[in-house]
Amino acid sequence: MDDYEATKYIKSTTKGNATVVIALTASVLEEEKAIALTERRRHRSLSRL
């Protein structure tokens, strides 16, 4: 399970939905940066519903 899968799992639970997930990485790959930003935007739009 990678960090994205772990975050999705945490957020899929009732208690986990209220949990703030803060992730740090030393990776600077542009592809991973784009994935992280997309997930952040998706989560923000879902939390407004």
Protein backbone atom coordinates (compact mmCIF):
# COMPACT_ATOMS: atom_id res chain seq x y z
CA MET A 1 0.00 0.00 0.00
CA ASP A 2 1.50 3.33 -1.02
CA ASP A 3 0.78 6.71 0.55
CA TYR A 4 -2.06 7.53 -1.83
CA GLU A 5 -3.78 4.22 -1.17
CA ALA A 6 -3.31 4.64 2.58
CA THR A 7 -4.84 8.13 2.49
CA LYS A 8 -7.80 6.92 0.44
CA TYR A 9 -8.33 4.10 2.94
CA ILE A 10 -8.19 6.47 5.92
CA LYS A 11 -10.57 8.94 4.28
CA SER A 12 -13.03 6.18 3.36
CA THR A 13 -13.98 5.67 7.01
CA THR A 14 -16.34 7.93 8.96
CA LYS A 15 -13.73 8.74 11.58
CA GLY A 16 -10.97 9.04 8.98
CA ASN A 17 -12.94 11.54 6.90
CA ALA A 18 -12.44 14.08 9.70
CA THR A 19 -8.72 13.25 9.94
CA VAL A 20 -6.25 15.70 8.44
CA VAL A 21 -3.52 13.89 6.55
CA ILE A 22 -0.22 15.71 6.21
CA ALA A 23 2.36 14.10 3.97
CA LEU A 24 5.98 15.01 3.44
CA THR A 25 8.23 13.65 0.75
CA ALA A 26 11.71 14.19 -0.53
CA SER A 27 10.63 13.18 -4.00
CA VAL A 28 10.58 15.89 -6.64
CA LEU A 29 9.27 13.93 -9.60
CA GLU A 30 6.86 16.11 -11.57
CA GLU A 31 4.50 13.19 -12.17
CA GLU A 32 4.15 12.53 -8.43
CA LYS A 33 3.69 16.24 -7.77
CA ALA A 34 0.87 16.37 -10.32
CA ILE A 35 -0.83 13.33 -8.76
CA ALA A 36 -0.62 14.85 -5.28
CA LEU A 37 -2.09 18.16 -6.44
CA THR A 38 -4.91 16.38 -8.29
CA GLU A 39 -5.79 14.34 -5.19
CA ARG A 40 -5.75 17.50 -3.06
CA ARG A 41 -8.09 19.31 -5.45
CA ARG A 42 -10.41 16.29 -5.64
CA HIS A 43 -10.58 16.00 -1.87
CA ARG A 44 -11.29 19.71 -1.45
CA SER A 45 -14.11 19.61 -3.98
CA LEU A 46 -15.64 16.53 -2.32
CA SER A 47 -15.41 18.05 1.16
CA ARG A 48 -17.54 21.00 0.01
CA LEU A 49 -20.47 18.73 -0.85
